[in-house]
Amino acid sequence: MTGPVQVLVVGFDQLVQTGEVMAELERLRRAGTVRLLDVLVVKRTEDGAFHTLPAPAGAPPDMGTRVAAILGAPPDEDGSAAAPGGGPTWSLADAIPEGTTAAVALLEHLWATPLREAIHRAGGKALDETWLAQPDVERLEHLITP
């Protein structure tokens, strides 16, 4: 792996698998921008329990295993516990509300490798990162639009 890896959690009220998201991720991979390392689809019930949902048709047979290993994800469909990878530093329970279905993706940002290396050579290190929420993006758009 060369680029920074992002954990992206996307919630769905009603999961509809059209293939459009996977097609866009493939386009980004071909462009050398982002590479999907793994994705796991889970359902968090109203009582807070997690359940792994089946992978989409045509998905690799090991899909979701890397997410489970790194994040200590929920049990598989058959109830067997997913193996945690030495204690996750991040919690699915903090990110996924009860009663929500979510896709948990590991995305490698290939474009960021040269930037990360330049920051390192300059003696810098990442202290934190986040994505702006949509209301903040809209406020920013008003600030930069002439």
N, C-alpha and C. Protein backbone atom coordinates (compact mmCIF):
# COMPACT_ATOMS: atom_id res chain seq x y z
N MET A 1 0.83 -1.17 0.00
CA MET A 1 0.00 0.00 0.00
C MET A 1 0.88 1.24 0.00
N THR A 2 0.46 2.23 -0.76
CA THR A 2 1.25 3.45 -0.83
C THR A 2 0.52 4.66 -0.26
N GLY A 3 -0.79 4.70 -0.44
CA GLY A 3 -1.54 5.89 -0.04
C GLY A 3 -2.17 5.75 1.33
N PRO A 4 -2.57 6.90 1.89
CA PRO A 4 -3.33 6.86 3.15
C PRO A 4 -4.63 6.08 2.95
N VAL A 5 -5.07 5.40 3.99
CA VAL A 5 -6.30 4.60 3.92
C VAL A 5 -7.37 5.26 4.76
N GLN A 6 -8.51 5.49 4.14
CA GLN A 6 -9.67 6.11 4.78
C GLN A 6 -10.69 5.04 5.11
N VAL A 7 -11.30 5.15 6.29
CA VAL A 7 -12.47 4.34 6.63
C VAL A 7 -13.68 5.20 6.30
N LEU A 8 -14.47 4.78 5.35
CA LEU A 8 -15.67 5.52 4.94
C LEU A 8 -16.89 4.69 5.31
N VAL A 9 -17.75 5.27 6.12
CA VAL A 9 -18.97 4.59 6.54
C VAL A 9 -20.15 5.35 5.93
N VAL A 10 -20.93 4.66 5.11
CA VAL A 10 -22.07 5.28 4.43
C VAL A 10 -23.33 4.59 4.91
N GLY A 11 -24.27 5.38 5.45
CA GLY A 11 -25.52 4.83 5.96
C GLY A 11 -26.62 4.86 4.92
N PHE A 12 -27.51 3.89 5.02
CA PHE A 12 -28.64 3.77 4.10
C PHE A 12 -29.91 3.51 4.89
N ASP A 13 -30.97 4.28 4.59
CA ASP A 13 -32.27 3.95 5.15
C ASP A 13 -32.79 2.68 4.49
N GLN A 14 -32.60 2.62 3.18
CA GLN A 14 -32.98 1.46 2.39
C GLN A 14 -31.86 1.21 1.40
N LEU A 15 -31.10 0.15 1.57
CA LEU A 15 -29.97 -0.16 0.69
C LEU A 15 -30.47 -0.63 -0.66
N VAL A 16 -30.07 0.07 -1.71
CA VAL A 16 -30.42 -0.29 -3.08
C VAL A 16 -29.11 -0.46 -3.84
N GLN A 17 -28.82 -1.68 -4.26
CA GLN A 17 -27.57 -1.97 -4.95
C GLN A 17 -27.79 -1.92 -6.45
N THR A 18 -27.39 -0.79 -7.06
CA THR A 18 -27.55 -0.61 -8.51
C THR A 18 -26.26 -0.87 -9.26
N GLY A 19 -25.14 -0.92 -8.54
CA GLY A 19 -23.84 -1.08 -9.18
C GLY A 19 -23.20 0.25 -9.52
N GLU A 20 -23.92 1.35 -9.37
CA GLU A 20 -23.40 2.68 -9.73
C GLU A 20 -22.21 3.08 -8.86
N VAL A 21 -22.27 2.82 -7.56
CA VAL A 21 -21.17 3.19 -6.66
C VAL A 21 -19.93 2.37 -7.00
N MET A 22 -20.08 1.08 -7.21
CA MET A 22 -18.94 0.24 -7.54
C MET A 22 -18.33 0.66 -8.89
N ALA A 23 -19.17 1.05 -9.83
CA ALA A 23 -18.67 1.51 -11.13
C ALA A 23 -17.85 2.79 -10.96
N GLU A 24 -18.30 3.70 -10.11
CA GLU A 24 -17.54 4.93 -9.87
C GLU A 24 -16.22 4.64 -9.17
N LEU A 25 -16.23 3.73 -8.21
CA LEU A 25 -14.97 3.34 -7.55
C LEU A 25 -14.00 2.72 -8.54
N GLU A 26 -14.50 1.94 -9.47
CA GLU A 26 -13.64 1.35 -10.50
C GLU A 26 -13.07 2.43 -11.41
N ARG A 27 -13.87 3.44 -11.75
CA ARG A 27 -13.39 4.54 -12.56
C ARG A 27 -12.26 5.29 -11.83
N LEU A 28 -12.44 5.53 -10.54
CA LEU A 28 -11.43 6.22 -9.75
C LEU A 28 -10.15 5.38 -9.63
N ARG A 29 -10.30 4.06 -9.54
CA ARG A 29 -9.12 3.19 -9.50
C ARG A 29 -8.34 3.27 -10.81
N ARG A 30 -9.06 3.20 -11.93
CA ARG A 30 -8.40 3.27 -13.24
C ARG A 30 -7.69 4.62 -13.42
N ALA A 31 -8.23 5.68 -12.82
CA ALA A 31 -7.62 7.01 -12.92
C ALA A 31 -6.45 7.18 -11.96
N GLY A 32 -6.22 6.19 -11.07
CA GLY A 32 -5.12 6.28 -10.12
C GLY A 32 -5.42 7.20 -8.94
N THR A 33 -6.69 7.40 -8.66
CA THR A 33 -7.11 8.32 -7.59
C THR A 33 -7.35 7.58 -6.29
N VAL A 34 -8.23 6.59 -6.33
CA VAL A 34 -8.65 5.85 -5.14
C VAL A 34 -8.73 4.38 -5.48
N ARG A 35 -8.37 3.54 -4.51
CA ARG A 35 -8.50 2.09 -4.69
C ARG A 35 -9.33 1.54 -3.54
N LEU A 36 -10.40 0.81 -3.86
CA LEU A 36 -11.22 0.15 -2.85
C LEU A 36 -10.46 -1.08 -2.37
N LEU A 37 -10.09 -1.09 -1.08
CA LEU A 37 -9.38 -2.24 -0.51
C LEU A 37 -10.34 -3.30 -0.01
N ASP A 38 -11.49 -2.85 0.51
CA ASP A 38 -12.47 -3.80 1.03
C ASP A 38 -13.75 -3.04 1.40
N VAL A 39 -14.84 -3.77 1.50
CA VAL A 39 -16.10 -3.19 1.95
C VAL A 39 -16.91 -4.27 2.66
N LEU A 40 -17.58 -3.86 3.72
CA LEU A 40 -18.42 -4.76 4.51
C LEU A 40 -19.76 -4.06 4.70
N VAL A 41 -20.85 -4.78 4.46
CA VAL A 41 -22.19 -4.23 4.65
C VAL A 41 -22.76 -4.82 5.94
N VAL A 42 -23.22 -3.92 6.82
CA VAL A 42 -23.74 -4.35 8.12
C VAL A 42 -25.08 -3.70 8.40
N LYS A 43 -25.83 -4.34 9.26
CA LYS A 43 -27.10 -3.81 9.77
C LYS A 43 -26.95 -3.70 11.27
N ARG A 44 -27.25 -2.53 11.82
CA ARG A 44 -27.26 -2.37 13.27
C ARG A 44 -28.72 -2.30 13.71
N THR A 45 -29.13 -3.25 14.53
CA THR A 45 -30.52 -3.34 14.95
C THR A 45 -30.84 -2.27 15.99
N GLU A 46 -32.09 -2.13 16.28
CA GLU A 46 -32.56 -1.13 17.25
C GLU A 46 -31.99 -1.37 18.64
N ASP A 47 -31.61 -2.63 18.95
CA ASP A 47 -31.02 -2.91 20.27
C ASP A 47 -29.50 -2.75 20.27
N GLY A 48 -28.93 -2.27 19.13
CA GLY A 48 -27.50 -1.99 19.07
C GLY A 48 -26.64 -3.13 18.54
N ALA A 49 -27.23 -4.29 18.28
CA ALA A 49 -26.46 -5.43 17.77
C ALA A 49 -26.13 -5.24 16.29
N PHE A 50 -24.98 -5.76 15.88
CA PHE A 50 -24.55 -5.69 14.49
C PHE A 50 -24.71 -7.05 13.83
N HIS A 51 -25.08 -7.03 12.53
CA HIS A 51 -25.18 -8.25 11.74
C HIS A 51 -24.59 -7.97 10.37
N THR A 52 -23.73 -8.85 9.90
CA THR A 52 -23.15 -8.72 8.57
C THR A 52 -24.19 -9.15 7.54
N LEU A 53 -24.34 -8.35 6.49
CA LEU A 53 -25.27 -8.67 5.42
C LEU A 53 -24.52 -9.35 4.28
N PRO A 54 -25.23 -10.10 3.45
CA PRO A 54 -24.56 -10.80 2.35
C PRO A 54 -23.88 -9.82 1.40
N ALA A 55 -22.77 -10.27 0.84
CA ALA A 55 -22.06 -9.47 -0.17
C ALA A 55 -22.90 -9.45 -1.45
N PRO A 56 -22.76 -8.40 -2.24
CA PRO A 56 -23.51 -8.36 -3.51
C PRO A 56 -23.09 -9.49 -4.43
N ALA A 57 -23.96 -9.84 -5.35
CA ALA A 57 -23.67 -10.88 -6.32
C ALA A 57 -22.42 -10.52 -7.11
N GLY A 58 -21.55 -11.50 -7.29
CA GLY A 58 -20.32 -11.29 -8.04
C GLY A 58 -19.17 -10.73 -7.22
N ALA A 59 -19.39 -10.45 -5.95
CA ALA A 59 -18.33 -9.92 -5.10
C ALA A 59 -17.31 -11.02 -4.80
N PRO A 60 -16.05 -10.62 -4.56
CA PRO A 60 -15.05 -11.63 -4.20
C PRO A 60 -15.47 -12.37 -2.93
N PRO A 61 -15.14 -13.65 -2.82
CA PRO A 61 -15.58 -14.44 -1.66
C PRO A 61 -15.04 -13.93 -0.33
N ASP A 62 -13.91 -13.21 -0.35
CA ASP A 62 -13.34 -12.72 0.91
C ASP A 62 -13.73 -11.27 1.22
N MET A 63 -14.72 -10.74 0.47
CA MET A 63 -15.13 -9.36 0.69
C MET A 63 -15.61 -9.16 2.12
N GLY A 64 -15.08 -8.12 2.76
CA GLY A 64 -15.45 -7.78 4.12
C GLY A 64 -14.48 -8.30 5.17
N THR A 65 -13.64 -9.25 4.80
CA THR A 65 -12.75 -9.85 5.80
C THR A 65 -11.68 -8.87 6.28
N ARG A 66 -11.21 -7.99 5.42
CA ARG A 66 -10.18 -7.02 5.83
C ARG A 66 -10.78 -5.98 6.78
N VAL A 67 -11.99 -5.51 6.46
CA VAL A 67 -12.66 -4.57 7.36
C VAL A 67 -12.83 -5.23 8.72
N ALA A 68 -13.29 -6.47 8.73
CA ALA A 68 -13.50 -7.18 9.99
C ALA A 68 -12.21 -7.33 10.77
N ALA A 69 -11.12 -7.65 10.07
CA ALA A 69 -9.84 -7.86 10.74
C ALA A 69 -9.29 -6.56 11.33
N ILE A 70 -9.44 -5.47 10.61
CA ILE A 70 -8.88 -4.20 11.05
C ILE A 70 -9.75 -3.52 12.10
N LEU A 71 -11.06 -3.54 11.90
CA LEU A 71 -11.96 -2.80 12.78
C LEU A 71 -12.65 -3.66 13.83
N GLY A 72 -12.40 -4.96 13.83
CA GLY A 72 -13.10 -5.82 14.79
C GLY A 72 -14.59 -5.78 14.54
N ALA A 73 -14.96 -5.96 13.27
CA ALA A 73 -16.34 -5.83 12.84
C ALA A 73 -17.22 -6.93 13.42
N PRO A 74 -18.52 -6.82 13.22
CA PRO A 74 -19.50 -7.75 13.80
C PRO A 74 -19.39 -9.17 13.27
N PRO A 75 -20.12 -10.09 13.89
CA PRO A 75 -20.09 -11.48 13.45
C PRO A 75 -20.58 -11.63 12.02
N ASP A 76 -20.16 -12.72 11.39
CA ASP A 76 -20.64 -13.03 10.05
C ASP A 76 -22.09 -13.50 10.14
N GLU A 77 -22.70 -13.70 8.97
CA GLU A 77 -24.09 -14.14 8.89
C GLU A 77 -24.35 -15.40 9.72
N ASP A 78 -23.37 -16.31 9.75
CA ASP A 78 -23.58 -17.56 10.46
C ASP A 78 -23.38 -17.42 11.97
N GLY A 79 -23.05 -16.18 12.43
CA GLY A 79 -22.90 -15.95 13.86
C GLY A 79 -21.49 -16.09 14.37
N SER A 80 -20.54 -16.54 13.50
CA SER A 80 -19.17 -16.67 13.97
C SER A 80 -18.55 -15.29 14.13
N ALA A 81 -17.77 -15.13 15.18
CA ALA A 81 -17.20 -13.83 15.48
C ALA A 81 -16.11 -13.48 14.48
N ALA A 82 -16.09 -12.21 14.07
CA ALA A 82 -15.03 -11.72 13.20
C ALA A 82 -13.79 -11.51 14.06
N ALA A 83 -12.65 -11.80 13.49
CA ALA A 83 -11.40 -11.70 14.24
C ALA A 83 -10.91 -10.26 14.30
N PRO A 84 -10.78 -9.68 15.48
CA PRO A 84 -10.23 -8.33 15.56
C PRO A 84 -8.75 -8.35 15.25
N GLY A 85 -8.25 -7.26 14.69
CA GLY A 85 -6.85 -7.19 14.28
C GLY A 85 -5.99 -6.49 15.31
N GLY A 86 -5.91 -6.99 16.52
CA GLY A 86 -5.04 -6.39 17.51
C GLY A 86 -5.69 -5.22 18.23
N GLY A 87 -6.99 -5.12 18.19
CA GLY A 87 -7.68 -4.04 18.89
C GLY A 87 -7.84 -2.81 18.03
N PRO A 88 -9.03 -2.59 17.51
CA PRO A 88 -9.23 -1.44 16.63
C PRO A 88 -9.09 -0.13 17.39
N THR A 89 -8.66 0.90 16.66
CA THR A 89 -8.54 2.24 17.26
C THR A 89 -9.76 3.08 16.92
N TRP A 90 -10.75 2.47 16.30
CA TRP A 90 -11.91 3.18 15.79
C TRP A 90 -13.11 2.27 15.99
N SER A 91 -14.28 2.82 16.29
CA SER A 91 -15.43 2.00 16.64
C SER A 91 -16.59 2.16 15.67
N LEU A 92 -17.07 1.03 15.14
CA LEU A 92 -18.27 1.06 14.32
C LEU A 92 -19.47 1.54 15.12
N ALA A 93 -19.51 1.20 16.39
CA ALA A 93 -20.63 1.60 17.24
C ALA A 93 -20.74 3.12 17.35
N ASP A 94 -19.61 3.81 17.27
CA ASP A 94 -19.63 5.27 17.32
C ASP A 94 -20.11 5.88 16.01
N ALA A 95 -19.99 5.14 14.91
CA ALA A 95 -20.28 5.69 13.59
C ALA A 95 -21.65 5.31 13.04
N ILE A 96 -22.18 4.16 13.44
CA ILE A 96 -23.41 3.66 12.82
C ILE A 96 -24.55 3.71 13.83
N PRO A 97 -25.56 4.55 13.57
CA PRO A 97 -26.70 4.62 14.48
C PRO A 97 -27.51 3.32 14.50
N GLU A 98 -28.17 3.08 15.59
CA GLU A 98 -29.05 1.91 15.69
C GLU A 98 -30.15 2.02 14.64
N GLY A 99 -30.53 0.88 14.07
CA GLY A 99 -31.56 0.83 13.06
C GLY A 99 -31.08 1.23 11.67
N THR A 100 -29.77 1.24 11.46
CA THR A 100 -29.19 1.70 10.19
C THR A 100 -28.43 0.56 9.51
N THR A 101 -28.53 0.53 8.19
CA THR A 101 -27.69 -0.32 7.37
C THR A 101 -26.55 0.55 6.87
N ALA A 102 -25.33 0.01 6.87
CA ALA A 102 -24.18 0.80 6.45
C ALA A 102 -23.19 -0.04 5.66
N ALA A 103 -22.52 0.62 4.74
CA ALA A 103 -21.38 0.03 4.03
C ALA A 103 -20.14 0.64 4.65
N VAL A 104 -19.22 -0.21 5.08
CA VAL A 104 -17.96 0.24 5.69
C VAL A 104 -16.87 -0.10 4.69
N ALA A 105 -16.26 0.95 4.11
CA ALA A 105 -15.27 0.76 3.06
C ALA A 105 -13.89 1.22 3.51
N LEU A 106 -12.87 0.50 3.06
CA LEU A 106 -11.49 0.93 3.23
C LEU A 106 -11.03 1.42 1.87
N LEU A 107 -10.71 2.72 1.79
CA LEU A 107 -10.30 3.34 0.54
C LEU A 107 -8.86 3.83 0.64
N GLU A 108 -8.03 3.39 -0.27
CA GLU A 108 -6.66 3.87 -0.33
C GLU A 108 -6.63 5.08 -1.27
N HIS A 109 -6.17 6.22 -0.77
CA HIS A 109 -6.09 7.45 -1.56
C HIS A 109 -4.72 7.51 -2.24
N LEU A 110 -4.67 7.01 -3.46
CA LEU A 110 -3.42 6.93 -4.20
C LEU A 110 -2.86 8.32 -4.53
N TRP A 111 -3.74 9.27 -4.79
CA TRP A 111 -3.33 10.63 -5.14
C TRP A 111 -2.55 11.29 -4.00
N ALA A 112 -2.77 10.88 -2.76
CA ALA A 112 -2.22 11.56 -1.60
C ALA A 112 -0.80 11.13 -1.24
N THR A 113 -0.30 10.08 -1.87
CA THR A 113 1.04 9.58 -1.52
C THR A 113 2.12 10.65 -1.68
N PRO A 114 2.22 11.33 -2.83
CA PRO A 114 3.27 12.36 -2.95
C PRO A 114 3.10 13.50 -1.94
N LEU A 115 1.88 13.88 -1.65
CA LEU A 115 1.64 14.94 -0.67
C LEU A 115 2.07 14.50 0.71
N ARG A 116 1.69 13.28 1.09
CA ARG A 116 2.08 12.76 2.40
C ARG A 116 3.60 12.69 2.53
N GLU A 117 4.28 12.23 1.48
CA GLU A 117 5.73 12.15 1.51
C GLU A 117 6.38 13.52 1.60
N ALA A 118 5.84 14.53 0.89
CA ALA A 118 6.37 15.89 0.96
C ALA A 118 6.19 16.48 2.36
N ILE A 119 5.06 16.22 2.97
CA ILE A 119 4.82 16.68 4.34
C ILE A 119 5.83 16.04 5.29
N HIS A 120 6.06 14.75 5.12
CA HIS A 120 7.02 14.02 5.96
C HIS A 120 8.43 14.59 5.78
N ARG A 121 8.84 14.83 4.53
CA ARG A 121 10.17 15.39 4.27
C ARG A 121 10.32 16.79 4.88
N ALA A 122 9.21 17.53 4.97
CA ALA A 122 9.25 18.88 5.56
C ALA A 122 9.20 18.82 7.08
N GLY A 123 9.16 17.61 7.64
CA GLY A 123 9.14 17.46 9.10
C GLY A 123 7.75 17.48 9.70
N GLY A 124 6.72 17.42 8.87
CA GLY A 124 5.35 17.47 9.37
C GLY A 124 4.75 16.10 9.57
N LYS A 125 3.66 16.07 10.31
CA LYS A 125 2.90 14.83 10.49
C LYS A 125 1.43 15.19 10.67
N ALA A 126 0.58 14.31 10.21
CA ALA A 126 -0.86 14.53 10.32
C ALA A 126 -1.27 14.47 11.79
N LEU A 127 -2.05 15.43 12.23
CA LEU A 127 -2.55 15.44 13.59
C LEU A 127 -4.01 15.02 13.66
N ASP A 128 -4.77 15.32 12.61
CA ASP A 128 -6.19 14.98 12.58
C ASP A 128 -6.68 15.14 11.15
N GLU A 129 -7.84 14.61 10.87
CA GLU A 129 -8.46 14.79 9.57
C GLU A 129 -9.95 14.52 9.70
N THR A 130 -10.71 15.15 8.84
CA THR A 130 -12.14 14.91 8.79
C THR A 130 -12.65 15.41 7.46
N TRP A 131 -13.88 15.10 7.15
CA TRP A 131 -14.54 15.64 5.97
C TRP A 131 -15.53 16.66 6.46
N LEU A 132 -15.66 17.79 5.77
CA LEU A 132 -16.66 18.77 6.15
C LEU A 132 -18.05 18.19 5.93
N ALA A 133 -18.94 18.46 6.86
CA ALA A 133 -20.33 18.05 6.70
C ALA A 133 -20.97 18.89 5.60
N GLN A 134 -22.01 18.36 4.98
CA GLN A 134 -22.64 19.04 3.85
C GLN A 134 -23.05 20.48 4.16
N PRO A 135 -23.64 20.77 5.33
CA PRO A 135 -23.98 22.18 5.61
C PRO A 135 -22.74 23.09 5.62
N ASP A 136 -21.61 22.57 6.10
CA ASP A 136 -20.37 23.35 6.10
C ASP A 136 -19.83 23.54 4.68
N VAL A 137 -19.98 22.53 3.83
CA VAL A 137 -19.56 22.65 2.43
C VAL A 137 -20.38 23.74 1.75
N GLU A 138 -21.68 23.75 2.03
CA GLU A 138 -22.55 24.77 1.43
C GLU A 138 -22.17 26.17 1.92
N ARG A 139 -21.83 26.31 3.19
CA ARG A 139 -21.38 27.61 3.71
C ARG A 139 -20.08 28.02 3.03
N LEU A 140 -19.16 27.08 2.84
CA LEU A 140 -17.89 27.35 2.19
C LEU A 140 -18.11 27.80 0.75
N GLU A 141 -19.03 27.14 0.05
CA GLU A 141 -19.33 27.51 -1.33
C GLU A 141 -19.76 28.97 -1.42
N HIS A 142 -20.55 29.43 -0.44
CA HIS A 142 -20.99 30.84 -0.43
C HIS A 142 -19.82 31.78 -0.17
N LEU A 143 -18.82 31.32 0.56
CA LEU A 143 -17.66 32.16 0.86
C LEU A 143 -16.70 32.30 -0.31
N ILE A 144 -16.63 31.27 -1.18
CA ILE A 144 -15.67 31.33 -2.28
C ILE A 144 -16.30 31.65 -3.61
N THR A 145 -17.61 31.71 -3.68
CA THR A 145 -18.30 32.04 -4.94
C THR A 145 -18.41 33.56 -5.05
N PRO A 146 -17.86 34.11 -6.15
CA PRO A 146 -17.92 35.58 -6.32
C PRO A 146 -19.31 36.09 -6.56
